[in-house]
């Protein structure tokens, strides 16, 4: 069977074996990879909506390329965390590092989505959640965080004064 799949060539056998190992390595964390991918795509969608609202130039190539770079980096972090779990710690069925990295990545993306939603509709149901997250973030880092919506308001008032 293996010979028929690989075409009975050494190169075919190497490629088939490498593919099998990659699938076996990635398949336990595929749910985490999909979660990170989905939140990144949703963040890109709402980021584009915010850019359109404020009439900022959107280039699909740049937006898509930036999102793909971000997803590539997220996947690299998850795969490296899985590598540490699997080889260094010898953990196969418990995803402590991988799960923790996925939670941090997903929460960061969700924070960005919340900021975009708050920019699109400041009176939406996420307003109180956004205030809570901002307060917790300020307490955590010890500095005042400038709200994204205030930046756009300042830009709009400066434009109006110049006109």
C-alpha atoms as a PDB file:
ATOM      1  CA  UNK A   1       0.000   0.000   0.000  1.00  0.00           C
ATOM      2  CA  UNK A   2       2.766   2.428   0.969  1.00  0.00           C
ATOM      3  CA  UNK A   3       4.605   1.676  -2.284  1.00  0.00           C
ATOM      4  CA  UNK A   4       1.506   2.329  -4.374  1.00  0.00           C
ATOM      5  CA  UNK A   5       0.863   5.658  -2.605  1.00  0.00           C
ATOM      6  CA  UNK A   6       4.462   6.787  -2.989  1.00  0.00           C
ATOM      7  CA  UNK A   7       4.784   5.625  -6.596  1.00  0.00           C
ATOM      8  CA  UNK A   8       7.531   3.227  -5.526  1.00  0.00           C
ATOM      9  CA  UNK A   9      10.129   6.017  -5.589  1.00  0.00           C
ATOM     10  CA  UNK A  10      12.389   7.126  -2.766  1.00  0.00           C
ATOM     11  CA  UNK A  11      11.243  10.751  -3.127  1.00  0.00           C
ATOM     12  CA  UNK A  12       7.589   9.656  -2.984  1.00  0.00           C
ATOM     13  CA  UNK A  13       8.239   7.613   0.154  1.00  0.00           C
ATOM     14  CA  UNK A  14      10.002  10.537   1.849  1.00  0.00           C
ATOM     15  CA  UNK A  15       7.198  12.968   0.976  1.00  0.00           C
ATOM     16  CA  UNK A  16       4.495  10.515   2.111  1.00  0.00           C
ATOM     17  CA  UNK A  17       6.296   9.832   5.407  1.00  0.00           C
ATOM     18  CA  UNK A  18       6.881  13.572   6.048  1.00  0.00           C
ATOM     19  CA  UNK A  19       3.232  14.352   5.320  1.00  0.00           C
ATOM     20  CA  UNK A  20       2.087  11.610   7.675  1.00  0.00           C
ATOM     21  CA  UNK A  21       4.318  12.899  10.460  1.00  0.00           C
ATOM     22  CA  UNK A  22       3.117  16.478   9.927  1.00  0.00           C
ATOM     23  CA  UNK A  23      -0.541  15.414  10.084  1.00  0.00           C
ATOM     24  CA  UNK A  24       0.091  13.374  13.242  1.00  0.00           C
ATOM     25  CA  UNK A  25       1.873  16.360  14.821  1.00  0.00           C
ATOM     26  CA  UNK A  26      -0.715  19.007  13.865  1.00  0.00           C
ATOM     27  CA  UNK A  27      -3.997  17.087  14.152  1.00  0.00           C
ATOM     28  CA  UNK A  28      -4.247  17.278  17.979  1.00  0.00           C
ATOM     29  CA  UNK A  29      -4.115  21.098  17.884  1.00  0.00           C
ATOM     30  CA  UNK A  30      -6.126  21.727  14.736  1.00  0.00           C
ATOM     31  CA  UNK A  31      -9.006  23.180  16.783  1.00  0.00           C
ATOM     32  CA  UNK A  32      -6.670  25.744  18.328  1.00  0.00           C
ATOM     33  CA  UNK A  33      -5.279  26.642  14.902  1.00  0.00           C
ATOM     34  CA  UNK A  34      -8.800  27.108  13.510  1.00  0.00           C
ATOM     35  CA  UNK A  35      -9.818  29.292  16.485  1.00  0.00           C
ATOM     36  CA  UNK A  36      -6.829  31.597  15.950  1.00  0.00           C
ATOM     37  CA  UNK A  37      -7.422  31.689  12.187  1.00  0.00           C
ATOM     38  CA  UNK A  38     -11.115  32.515  12.611  1.00  0.00           C
ATOM     39  CA  UNK A  39     -10.539  35.360  15.067  1.00  0.00           C
ATOM     40  CA  UNK A  40      -7.833  36.830  12.824  1.00  0.00           C
ATOM     41  CA  UNK A  41     -10.175  36.783   9.822  1.00  0.00           C
ATOM     42  CA  UNK A  42     -13.018  38.372  11.815  1.00  0.00           C
ATOM     43  CA  UNK A  43     -10.613  41.040  13.086  1.00  0.00           C
ATOM     44  CA  UNK A  44      -9.577  41.794   9.497  1.00  0.00           C
ATOM     45  CA  UNK A  45     -13.240  42.088   8.455  1.00  0.00           C
ATOM     46  CA  UNK A  46     -14.078  44.606  11.177  1.00  0.00           C
ATOM     47  CA  UNK A  47     -10.790  46.440  10.630  1.00  0.00           C
ATOM     48  CA  UNK A  48     -11.793  46.961   6.989  1.00  0.00           C
ATOM     49  CA  UNK A  49     -15.226  48.219   8.090  1.00  0.00           C
ATOM     50  CA  UNK A  50     -13.574  50.774  10.410  1.00  0.00           C
ATOM     51  CA  UNK A  51     -11.211  51.892   7.641  1.00  0.00           C
ATOM     52  CA  UNK A  52     -14.168  52.371   5.287  1.00  0.00           C
ATOM     53  CA  UNK A  53     -16.091  54.326   7.925  1.00  0.00           C
ATOM     54  CA  UNK A  54     -13.208  56.782   8.256  1.00  0.00           C
ATOM     55  CA  UNK A  55     -12.514  56.747   4.517  1.00  0.00           C
ATOM     56  CA  UNK A  56      -8.980  55.403   4.888  1.00  0.00           C
ATOM     57  CA  UNK A  57      -7.412  53.855   1.828  1.00  0.00           C
ATOM     58  CA  UNK A  58      -7.768  50.082   1.814  1.00  0.00           C
ATOM     59  CA  UNK A  59      -5.550  48.017  -0.416  1.00  0.00           C
ATOM     60  CA  UNK A  60      -6.716  44.434  -0.512  1.00  0.00           C
ATOM     61  CA  UNK A  61      -3.236  43.105  -1.193  1.00  0.00           C
ATOM     62  CA  UNK A  62      -1.726  44.898   1.807  1.00  0.00           C
ATOM     63  CA  UNK A  63      -4.629  43.970   4.112  1.00  0.00           C
ATOM     64  CA  UNK A  64      -4.626  40.343   3.049  1.00  0.00           C
ATOM     65  CA  UNK A  65      -0.827  40.099   3.172  1.00  0.00           C
ATOM     66  CA  UNK A  66      -0.732  41.611   6.679  1.00  0.00           C
ATOM     67  CA  UNK A  67      -3.389  39.202   7.912  1.00  0.00           C
ATOM     68  CA  UNK A  68      -1.581  36.236   6.367  1.00  0.00           C
ATOM     69  CA  UNK A  69       1.669  37.302   8.086  1.00  0.00           C
ATOM     70  CA  UNK A  70      -0.172  37.569  11.394  1.00  0.00           C
ATOM     71  CA  UNK A  71      -1.750  34.113  10.944  1.00  0.00           C
ATOM     72  CA  UNK A  72       1.644  32.659   9.960  1.00  0.00           C
ATOM     73  CA  UNK A  73       3.192  34.083  13.128  1.00  0.00           C
ATOM     74  CA  UNK A  74       0.319  32.800  15.278  1.00  0.00           C
ATOM     75  CA  UNK A  75       0.626  29.308  13.783  1.00  0.00           C
ATOM     76  CA  UNK A  76       4.410  29.370  14.316  1.00  0.00           C
ATOM     77  CA  UNK A  77       3.920  30.209  18.004  1.00  0.00           C
ATOM     78  CA  UNK A  78       1.380  27.398  18.404  1.00  0.00           C
ATOM     79  CA  UNK A  79       3.525  24.874  16.559  1.00  0.00           C
ATOM     80  CA  UNK A  80       6.596  25.801  18.621  1.00  0.00           C
ATOM     81  CA  UNK A  81       4.578  25.510  21.844  1.00  0.00           C
ATOM     82  CA  UNK A  82       3.429  22.080  20.656  1.00  0.00           C
ATOM     83  CA  UNK A  83       7.036  21.144  19.895  1.00  0.00           C
ATOM     84  CA  UNK A  84       8.114  22.086  23.415  1.00  0.00           C
ATOM     85  CA  UNK A  85       5.216  20.120  24.914  1.00  0.00           C
ATOM     86  CA  UNK A  86       5.864  17.073  22.783  1.00  0.00           C
ATOM     87  CA  UNK A  87       9.661  16.854  22.794  1.00  0.00           C
ATOM     88  CA  UNK A  88      10.937  18.670  25.879  1.00  0.00           C
ATOM     89  CA  UNK A  89       8.124  18.066  28.360  1.00  0.00           C
ATOM     90  CA  UNK A  90       6.977  14.736  26.903  1.00  0.00           C
ATOM     91  CA  UNK A  91       3.304  15.721  27.132  1.00  0.00           C
ATOM     92  CA  UNK A  92       1.150  14.360  24.324  1.00  0.00           C
ATOM     93  CA  UNK A  93      -2.499  14.752  25.342  1.00  0.00           C
ATOM     94  CA  UNK A  94      -2.409  17.838  27.563  1.00  0.00           C
ATOM     95  CA  UNK A  95      -1.993  21.141  25.766  1.00  0.00           C
ATOM     96  CA  UNK A  96      -0.774  23.451  28.515  1.00  0.00           C
ATOM     97  CA  UNK A  97       1.576  25.665  26.477  1.00  0.00           C
ATOM     98  CA  UNK A  98      -0.316  25.345  23.212  1.00  0.00           C
ATOM     99  CA  UNK A  99      -3.669  26.039  24.853  1.00  0.00           C
ATOM    100  CA  UNK A 100      -2.261  28.973  26.802  1.00  0.00           C
ATOM    101  CA  UNK A 101      -0.726  30.483  23.673  1.00  0.00           C
ATOM    102  CA  UNK A 102      -4.018  29.998  21.793  1.00  0.00           C
ATOM    103  CA  UNK A 103      -5.954  31.705  24.590  1.00  0.00           C
ATOM    104  CA  UNK A 104      -3.593  34.702  24.576  1.00  0.00           C
ATOM    105  CA  UNK A 105      -3.699  34.992  20.777  1.00  0.00           C
ATOM    106  CA  UNK A 106      -7.484  34.622  20.606  1.00  0.00           C
ATOM    107  CA  UNK A 107      -8.119  37.088  23.442  1.00  0.00           C
ATOM    108  CA  UNK A 108      -5.815  39.631  21.796  1.00  0.00           C
ATOM    109  CA  UNK A 109      -7.730  39.289  18.533  1.00  0.00           C
ATOM    110  CA  UNK A 110     -11.055  39.520  20.365  1.00  0.00           C
ATOM    111  CA  UNK A 111      -9.857  42.713  22.082  1.00  0.00           C
ATOM    112  CA  UNK A 112      -9.092  44.182  18.667  1.00  0.00           C
ATOM    113  CA  UNK A 113     -12.517  43.077  17.390  1.00  0.00           C
ATOM    114  CA  UNK A 114     -14.151  44.766  20.405  1.00  0.00           C
ATOM    115  CA  UNK A 115     -12.236  47.986  19.704  1.00  0.00           C
ATOM    116  CA  UNK A 116     -13.372  47.891  16.074  1.00  0.00           C
ATOM    117  CA  UNK A 117     -16.993  47.238  17.077  1.00  0.00           C
ATOM    118  CA  UNK A 118     -16.837  50.075  19.591  1.00  0.00           C
ATOM    119  CA  UNK A 119     -15.447  52.374  16.895  1.00  0.00           C
ATOM    120  CA  UNK A 120     -18.237  51.396  14.489  1.00  0.00           C
ATOM    121  CA  UNK A 121     -20.997  51.741  17.078  1.00  0.00           C
ATOM    122  CA  UNK A 122     -19.914  53.346  20.379  1.00  0.00           C
ATOM    123  CA  UNK A 123     -23.365  52.796  21.920  1.00  0.00           C
ATOM    124  CA  UNK A 124     -23.450  49.072  21.153  1.00  0.00           C
ATOM    125  CA  UNK A 125     -23.823  46.308  23.739  1.00  0.00           C
ATOM    126  CA  UNK A 126     -20.036  45.874  23.888  1.00  0.00           C
ATOM    127  CA  UNK A 127     -19.588  49.380  25.346  1.00  0.00           C
ATOM    128  CA  UNK A 128     -19.632  48.195  28.972  1.00  0.00           C
ATOM    129  CA  UNK A 129     -17.393  45.235  28.133  1.00  0.00           C
ATOM    130  CA  UNK A 130     -14.962  47.593  26.381  1.00  0.00           C
ATOM    131  CA  UNK A 131     -14.875  49.910  29.424  1.00  0.00           C
ATOM    132  CA  UNK A 132     -14.266  46.934  31.714  1.00  0.00           C
ATOM    133  CA  UNK A 133     -11.426  45.626  29.533  1.00  0.00           C
ATOM    134  CA  UNK A 134      -9.895  49.102  29.253  1.00  0.00           C
ATOM    135  CA  UNK A 135      -9.993  49.543  33.037  1.00  0.00           C
ATOM    136  CA  UNK A 136      -8.455  46.096  33.625  1.00  0.00           C
ATOM    137  CA  UNK A 137      -5.793  46.797  30.998  1.00  0.00           C
ATOM    138  CA  UNK A 138      -4.921  50.147  32.588  1.00  0.00           C
ATOM    139  CA  UNK A 139      -4.685  48.498  36.015  1.00  0.00           C
ATOM    140  CA  UNK A 140      -2.504  45.720  34.619  1.00  0.00           C
ATOM    141  CA  UNK A 141       0.004  47.900  32.739  1.00  0.00           C
ATOM    142  CA  UNK A 142      -0.182  50.899  35.082  1.00  0.00           C
ATOM    143  CA  UNK A 143      -0.730  53.514  32.355  1.00  0.00           C
ATOM    144  CA  UNK A 144      -3.769  55.219  30.864  1.00  0.00           C
ATOM    145  CA  UNK A 145      -4.820  53.614  27.605  1.00  0.00           C
ATOM    146  CA  UNK A 146      -6.030  55.973  24.892  1.00  0.00           C
ATOM    147  CA  UNK A 147      -9.280  54.791  23.360  1.00  0.00           C
ATOM    148  CA  UNK A 148      -9.325  54.156  19.623  1.00  0.00           C
ATOM    149  CA  UNK A 149     -12.548  56.161  19.161  1.00  0.00           C
ATOM    150  CA  UNK A 150     -10.972  59.262  20.736  1.00  0.00           C
ATOM    151  CA  UNK A 151      -8.161  59.147  18.177  1.00  0.00           C
ATOM    152  CA  UNK A 152     -10.650  59.268  15.304  1.00  0.00           C
ATOM    153  CA  UNK A 153     -12.646  62.039  16.977  1.00  0.00           C
ATOM    154  CA  UNK A 154      -9.495  64.137  17.322  1.00  0.00           C
ATOM    155  CA  UNK A 155      -8.655  63.530  13.645  1.00  0.00           C
ATOM    156  CA  UNK A 156     -12.137  64.579  12.553  1.00  0.00           C
ATOM    157  CA  UNK A 157     -12.164  67.772  14.632  1.00  0.00           C
ATOM    158  CA  UNK A 158      -8.744  68.796  13.354  1.00  0.00           C
ATOM    159  CA  UNK A 159      -9.936  68.307   9.797  1.00  0.00           C
ATOM    160  CA  UNK A 160     -13.040  70.418  10.477  1.00  0.00           C
ATOM    161  CA  UNK A 161     -10.950  73.283  11.928  1.00  0.00           C
ATOM    162  CA  UNK A 162      -8.687  73.372   8.872  1.00  0.00           C
ATOM    163  CA  UNK A 163     -11.633  73.575   6.447  1.00  0.00           C
END
